[in-house]
């Protein structure tokens, strides 16, 4: 298993997202309703695993088999739902694509979480500290690292939903 590494913010991450967004939009040939940069690499100054997470919203799931093939031709490995119903997951080194129904709960929660962190330096700092501590404590156990972030993510997402 690969060790969890949390790195300082890299100002190249937004440009990597923009470049990849264009490739994804072309590959899906009109199938993408919206494409968003999510996760910690989407929040300026936030420490993150150096993986650009991309949220692709489509009209409905499942997507057509040729669309899966198009993403695979971009170098992505198709992992199916990968434990999360309603999400199709694709990965390649340094990039993870989460393909979901546009404006689904998965979509809304991930965008709201990102926006809350972008809007609060205090929340972003709190999350950075938590992630670094968890990586140090559970760096060899990705599941425990992820589980350690759950309460924070839930709290921030619920607070964001309450403001809407």
C-alpha atoms as a PDB file:
ATOM      1  CA  UNK A   1       0.000   0.000   0.000  1.00  0.00           C
ATOM      2  CA  UNK A   2       1.160   3.483  -0.847  1.00  0.00           C
ATOM      3  CA  UNK A   3       1.974   5.768   2.077  1.00  0.00           C
ATOM      4  CA  UNK A   4      -0.284   8.794   2.670  1.00  0.00           C
ATOM      5  CA  UNK A   5       1.762  11.930   1.987  1.00  0.00           C
ATOM      6  CA  UNK A   6       0.394  15.407   2.733  1.00  0.00           C
ATOM      7  CA  UNK A   7       2.316  18.150   0.946  1.00  0.00           C
ATOM      8  CA  UNK A   8       2.353  21.923   1.124  1.00  0.00           C
ATOM      9  CA  UNK A   9       0.038  23.676  -1.318  1.00  0.00           C
ATOM     10  CA  UNK A  10       1.403  23.733  -4.862  1.00  0.00           C
ATOM     11  CA  UNK A  11       0.332  26.763  -6.934  1.00  0.00           C
ATOM     12  CA  UNK A  12       0.519  24.582 -10.078  1.00  0.00           C
ATOM     13  CA  UNK A  13      -2.504  22.514  -9.018  1.00  0.00           C
ATOM     14  CA  UNK A  14      -5.153  24.894 -10.467  1.00  0.00           C
ATOM     15  CA  UNK A  15      -3.373  24.938 -13.846  1.00  0.00           C
ATOM     16  CA  UNK A  16      -3.142  21.140 -13.849  1.00  0.00           C
ATOM     17  CA  UNK A  17      -6.882  21.047 -13.202  1.00  0.00           C
ATOM     18  CA  UNK A  18      -7.674  23.473 -16.035  1.00  0.00           C
ATOM     19  CA  UNK A  19      -5.578  21.477 -18.500  1.00  0.00           C
ATOM     20  CA  UNK A  20      -7.182  18.209 -17.464  1.00  0.00           C
ATOM     21  CA  UNK A  21     -10.683  19.697 -17.496  1.00  0.00           C
ATOM     22  CA  UNK A  22     -10.228  20.547 -21.176  1.00  0.00           C
ATOM     23  CA  UNK A  23      -9.075  17.006 -21.970  1.00  0.00           C
ATOM     24  CA  UNK A  24     -12.024  15.509 -20.086  1.00  0.00           C
ATOM     25  CA  UNK A  25     -14.585  17.782 -21.745  1.00  0.00           C
ATOM     26  CA  UNK A  26     -13.238  16.886 -25.191  1.00  0.00           C
ATOM     27  CA  UNK A  27     -13.158  13.166 -24.371  1.00  0.00           C
ATOM     28  CA  UNK A  28     -16.746  13.177 -23.103  1.00  0.00           C
ATOM     29  CA  UNK A  29     -17.878  15.077 -26.228  1.00  0.00           C
ATOM     30  CA  UNK A  30     -20.745  17.032 -24.706  1.00  0.00           C
ATOM     31  CA  UNK A  31     -21.511  14.546 -21.945  1.00  0.00           C
ATOM     32  CA  UNK A  32     -20.140  16.702 -19.117  1.00  0.00           C
ATOM     33  CA  UNK A  33     -22.645  19.227 -17.716  1.00  0.00           C
ATOM     34  CA  UNK A  34     -20.024  20.788 -15.413  1.00  0.00           C
ATOM     35  CA  UNK A  35     -16.479  20.032 -14.266  1.00  0.00           C
ATOM     36  CA  UNK A  36     -15.161  21.251 -10.906  1.00  0.00           C
ATOM     37  CA  UNK A  37     -11.819  21.134  -9.107  1.00  0.00           C
ATOM     38  CA  UNK A  38     -12.559  19.652  -5.674  1.00  0.00           C
ATOM     39  CA  UNK A  39     -10.581  18.315  -2.771  1.00  0.00           C
ATOM     40  CA  UNK A  40      -7.726  19.941  -0.949  1.00  0.00           C
ATOM     41  CA  UNK A  41      -5.715  20.812  -4.059  1.00  0.00           C
ATOM     42  CA  UNK A  42      -8.614  23.144  -4.992  1.00  0.00           C
ATOM     43  CA  UNK A  43      -8.150  25.287  -1.875  1.00  0.00           C
ATOM     44  CA  UNK A  44      -5.318  27.850  -1.986  1.00  0.00           C
ATOM     45  CA  UNK A  45      -2.740  27.409   0.800  1.00  0.00           C
ATOM     46  CA  UNK A  46      -4.246  24.103   1.994  1.00  0.00           C
ATOM     47  CA  UNK A  47      -1.937  21.153   2.561  1.00  0.00           C
ATOM     48  CA  UNK A  48      -2.988  18.187   0.428  1.00  0.00           C
ATOM     49  CA  UNK A  49      -2.150  14.797  -0.915  1.00  0.00           C
ATOM     50  CA  UNK A  50      -0.643  15.793  -4.276  1.00  0.00           C
ATOM     51  CA  UNK A  51      -3.607  14.430  -6.245  1.00  0.00           C
ATOM     52  CA  UNK A  52      -5.906  16.702  -8.241  1.00  0.00           C
ATOM     53  CA  UNK A  53      -9.503  15.599  -7.655  1.00  0.00           C
ATOM     54  CA  UNK A  54     -11.905  16.423 -10.460  1.00  0.00           C
ATOM     55  CA  UNK A  55     -15.674  16.249 -10.176  1.00  0.00           C
ATOM     56  CA  UNK A  56     -17.451  15.658 -13.491  1.00  0.00           C
ATOM     57  CA  UNK A  57     -21.204  16.166 -13.480  1.00  0.00           C
ATOM     58  CA  UNK A  58     -23.236  14.319 -16.091  1.00  0.00           C
ATOM     59  CA  UNK A  59     -26.974  14.316 -16.814  1.00  0.00           C
ATOM     60  CA  UNK A  60     -27.425  10.750 -15.575  1.00  0.00           C
ATOM     61  CA  UNK A  61     -25.656   7.539 -14.713  1.00  0.00           C
ATOM     62  CA  UNK A  62     -24.679   5.076 -15.988  1.00  0.00           C
ATOM     63  CA  UNK A  63     -22.675   6.678 -18.765  1.00  0.00           C
ATOM     64  CA  UNK A  64     -22.187   5.113 -22.154  1.00  0.00           C
ATOM     65  CA  UNK A  65     -19.470   2.482 -22.563  1.00  0.00           C
ATOM     66  CA  UNK A  66     -17.713   4.617 -25.241  1.00  0.00           C
ATOM     67  CA  UNK A  67     -17.373   7.427 -22.684  1.00  0.00           C
ATOM     68  CA  UNK A  68     -15.650   5.066 -20.248  1.00  0.00           C
ATOM     69  CA  UNK A  69     -13.323   4.031 -23.081  1.00  0.00           C
ATOM     70  CA  UNK A  70     -12.603   7.671 -23.920  1.00  0.00           C
ATOM     71  CA  UNK A  71     -11.456   8.341 -20.357  1.00  0.00           C
ATOM     72  CA  UNK A  72      -9.363   5.174 -20.353  1.00  0.00           C
ATOM     73  CA  UNK A  73      -7.650   6.403 -23.535  1.00  0.00           C
ATOM     74  CA  UNK A  74      -6.629   9.511 -21.571  1.00  0.00           C
ATOM     75  CA  UNK A  75      -4.673   7.203 -19.278  1.00  0.00           C
ATOM     76  CA  UNK A  76      -7.281   6.667 -16.573  1.00  0.00           C
ATOM     77  CA  UNK A  77      -7.942   3.341 -14.922  1.00  0.00           C
ATOM     78  CA  UNK A  78     -11.670   2.735 -14.531  1.00  0.00           C
ATOM     79  CA  UNK A  79     -12.524   1.536 -11.003  1.00  0.00           C
ATOM     80  CA  UNK A  80     -16.347   1.458 -11.178  1.00  0.00           C
ATOM     81  CA  UNK A  81     -18.153   2.834  -8.139  1.00  0.00           C
ATOM     82  CA  UNK A  82     -15.145   1.916  -5.975  1.00  0.00           C
ATOM     83  CA  UNK A  83     -17.262   1.638  -2.830  1.00  0.00           C
ATOM     84  CA  UNK A  84     -19.435   4.717  -3.380  1.00  0.00           C
ATOM     85  CA  UNK A  85     -22.796   4.061  -5.055  1.00  0.00           C
ATOM     86  CA  UNK A  86     -23.694   6.708  -7.628  1.00  0.00           C
ATOM     87  CA  UNK A  87     -20.101   7.608  -8.437  1.00  0.00           C
ATOM     88  CA  UNK A  88     -17.866   6.301 -11.207  1.00  0.00           C
ATOM     89  CA  UNK A  89     -14.200   6.567 -10.265  1.00  0.00           C
ATOM     90  CA  UNK A  90     -11.237   6.923 -12.601  1.00  0.00           C
ATOM     91  CA  UNK A  91      -7.617   7.371 -11.554  1.00  0.00           C
ATOM     92  CA  UNK A  92      -4.200   7.965 -13.029  1.00  0.00           C
ATOM     93  CA  UNK A  93      -1.055   9.196 -11.356  1.00  0.00           C
ATOM     94  CA  UNK A  94      -1.741  12.584  -9.790  1.00  0.00           C
ATOM     95  CA  UNK A  95      -5.388  12.744 -10.935  1.00  0.00           C
ATOM     96  CA  UNK A  96      -8.646  11.275  -9.663  1.00  0.00           C
ATOM     97  CA  UNK A  97     -11.927  11.763 -11.539  1.00  0.00           C
ATOM     98  CA  UNK A  98     -15.260  11.353  -9.778  1.00  0.00           C
ATOM     99  CA  UNK A  99     -18.052  11.140 -12.331  1.00  0.00           C
ATOM    100  CA  UNK A 100     -21.517  11.698 -10.798  1.00  0.00           C
ATOM    101  CA  UNK A 101     -24.963  12.967 -11.661  1.00  0.00           C
ATOM    102  CA  UNK A 102     -24.867  16.768 -11.760  1.00  0.00           C
ATOM    103  CA  UNK A 103     -26.409  18.286  -8.602  1.00  0.00           C
ATOM    104  CA  UNK A 104     -26.607  14.892  -6.875  1.00  0.00           C
ATOM    105  CA  UNK A 105     -25.926  14.831  -3.126  1.00  0.00           C
ATOM    106  CA  UNK A 106     -22.328  13.717  -3.873  1.00  0.00           C
ATOM    107  CA  UNK A 107     -21.900  16.717  -6.197  1.00  0.00           C
ATOM    108  CA  UNK A 108     -23.480  19.221  -3.832  1.00  0.00           C
ATOM    109  CA  UNK A 109     -21.608  18.008  -0.731  1.00  0.00           C
ATOM    110  CA  UNK A 110     -18.190  18.083  -2.402  1.00  0.00           C
ATOM    111  CA  UNK A 111     -18.677  21.533  -3.909  1.00  0.00           C
ATOM    112  CA  UNK A 112     -20.055  22.886  -0.614  1.00  0.00           C
ATOM    113  CA  UNK A 113     -17.106  21.464   1.352  1.00  0.00           C
ATOM    114  CA  UNK A 114     -14.598  22.975  -1.070  1.00  0.00           C
ATOM    115  CA  UNK A 115     -16.339  26.340  -1.017  1.00  0.00           C
ATOM    116  CA  UNK A 116     -16.479  26.388   2.790  1.00  0.00           C
ATOM    117  CA  UNK A 117     -12.722  25.796   2.975  1.00  0.00           C
ATOM    118  CA  UNK A 118     -12.060  28.425   0.310  1.00  0.00           C
ATOM    119  CA  UNK A 119     -14.177  30.885   2.280  1.00  0.00           C
ATOM    120  CA  UNK A 120     -12.547  30.399   5.677  1.00  0.00           C
ATOM    121  CA  UNK A 121      -8.821  30.527   6.336  1.00  0.00           C
ATOM    122  CA  UNK A 122      -9.526  29.218   9.839  1.00  0.00           C
ATOM    123  CA  UNK A 123     -11.320  26.111   8.547  1.00  0.00           C
ATOM    124  CA  UNK A 124      -8.627  25.521   5.936  1.00  0.00           C
ATOM    125  CA  UNK A 125      -5.894  25.771   8.598  1.00  0.00           C
ATOM    126  CA  UNK A 126      -7.813  23.443  10.936  1.00  0.00           C
ATOM    127  CA  UNK A 127      -8.166  20.909   8.113  1.00  0.00           C
ATOM    128  CA  UNK A 128      -4.478  21.181   7.192  1.00  0.00           C
ATOM    129  CA  UNK A 129      -3.433  20.514  10.773  1.00  0.00           C
ATOM    130  CA  UNK A 130      -5.804  17.544  11.003  1.00  0.00           C
ATOM    131  CA  UNK A 131      -4.593  16.026   7.736  1.00  0.00           C
ATOM    132  CA  UNK A 132      -0.919  16.366   8.671  1.00  0.00           C
ATOM    133  CA  UNK A 133      -1.551  14.766  12.060  1.00  0.00           C
ATOM    134  CA  UNK A 134      -3.513  11.894  10.523  1.00  0.00           C
ATOM    135  CA  UNK A 135      -0.858  11.326   7.846  1.00  0.00           C
ATOM    136  CA  UNK A 136       1.806  11.148  10.535  1.00  0.00           C
ATOM    137  CA  UNK A 137      -0.294   8.844  12.709  1.00  0.00           C
ATOM    138  CA  UNK A 138      -1.883   6.648  10.022  1.00  0.00           C
ATOM    139  CA  UNK A 139       0.342   7.193   6.981  1.00  0.00           C
ATOM    140  CA  UNK A 140       0.508   3.469   6.271  1.00  0.00           C
ATOM    141  CA  UNK A 141      -3.247   2.968   6.654  1.00  0.00           C
ATOM    142  CA  UNK A 142      -5.224   4.982   4.097  1.00  0.00           C
ATOM    143  CA  UNK A 143      -8.583   3.786   5.488  1.00  0.00           C
ATOM    144  CA  UNK A 144      -7.798   5.063   8.989  1.00  0.00           C
ATOM    145  CA  UNK A 145      -6.461   8.324   7.524  1.00  0.00           C
ATOM    146  CA  UNK A 146      -9.752   8.768   5.619  1.00  0.00           C
ATOM    147  CA  UNK A 147     -11.854   7.776   8.642  1.00  0.00           C
ATOM    148  CA  UNK A 148     -10.025  10.350  10.759  1.00  0.00           C
ATOM    149  CA  UNK A 149     -11.233  13.141   8.465  1.00  0.00           C
ATOM    150  CA  UNK A 150     -14.893  12.065   8.439  1.00  0.00           C
ATOM    151  CA  UNK A 151     -16.171  14.008  11.450  1.00  0.00           C
ATOM    152  CA  UNK A 152     -14.527  17.243  10.259  1.00  0.00           C
ATOM    153  CA  UNK A 153     -15.887  16.853   6.722  1.00  0.00           C
ATOM    154  CA  UNK A 154     -19.381  16.051   7.999  1.00  0.00           C
ATOM    155  CA  UNK A 155     -19.376  19.056  10.342  1.00  0.00           C
ATOM    156  CA  UNK A 156     -18.248  21.481   7.621  1.00  0.00           C
ATOM    157  CA  UNK A 157     -20.683  20.065   5.056  1.00  0.00           C
ATOM    158  CA  UNK A 158     -23.604  20.226   7.501  1.00  0.00           C
ATOM    159  CA  UNK A 159     -22.727  23.816   8.443  1.00  0.00           C
ATOM    160  CA  UNK A 160     -22.584  24.755   4.749  1.00  0.00           C
ATOM    161  CA  UNK A 161     -25.973  23.114   4.091  1.00  0.00           C
ATOM    162  CA  UNK A 162     -27.509  24.981   7.043  1.00  0.00           C
ATOM    163  CA  UNK A 163     -26.454  28.321   5.513  1.00  0.00           C
ATOM    164  CA  UNK A 164     -28.180  27.603   2.193  1.00  0.00           C
END
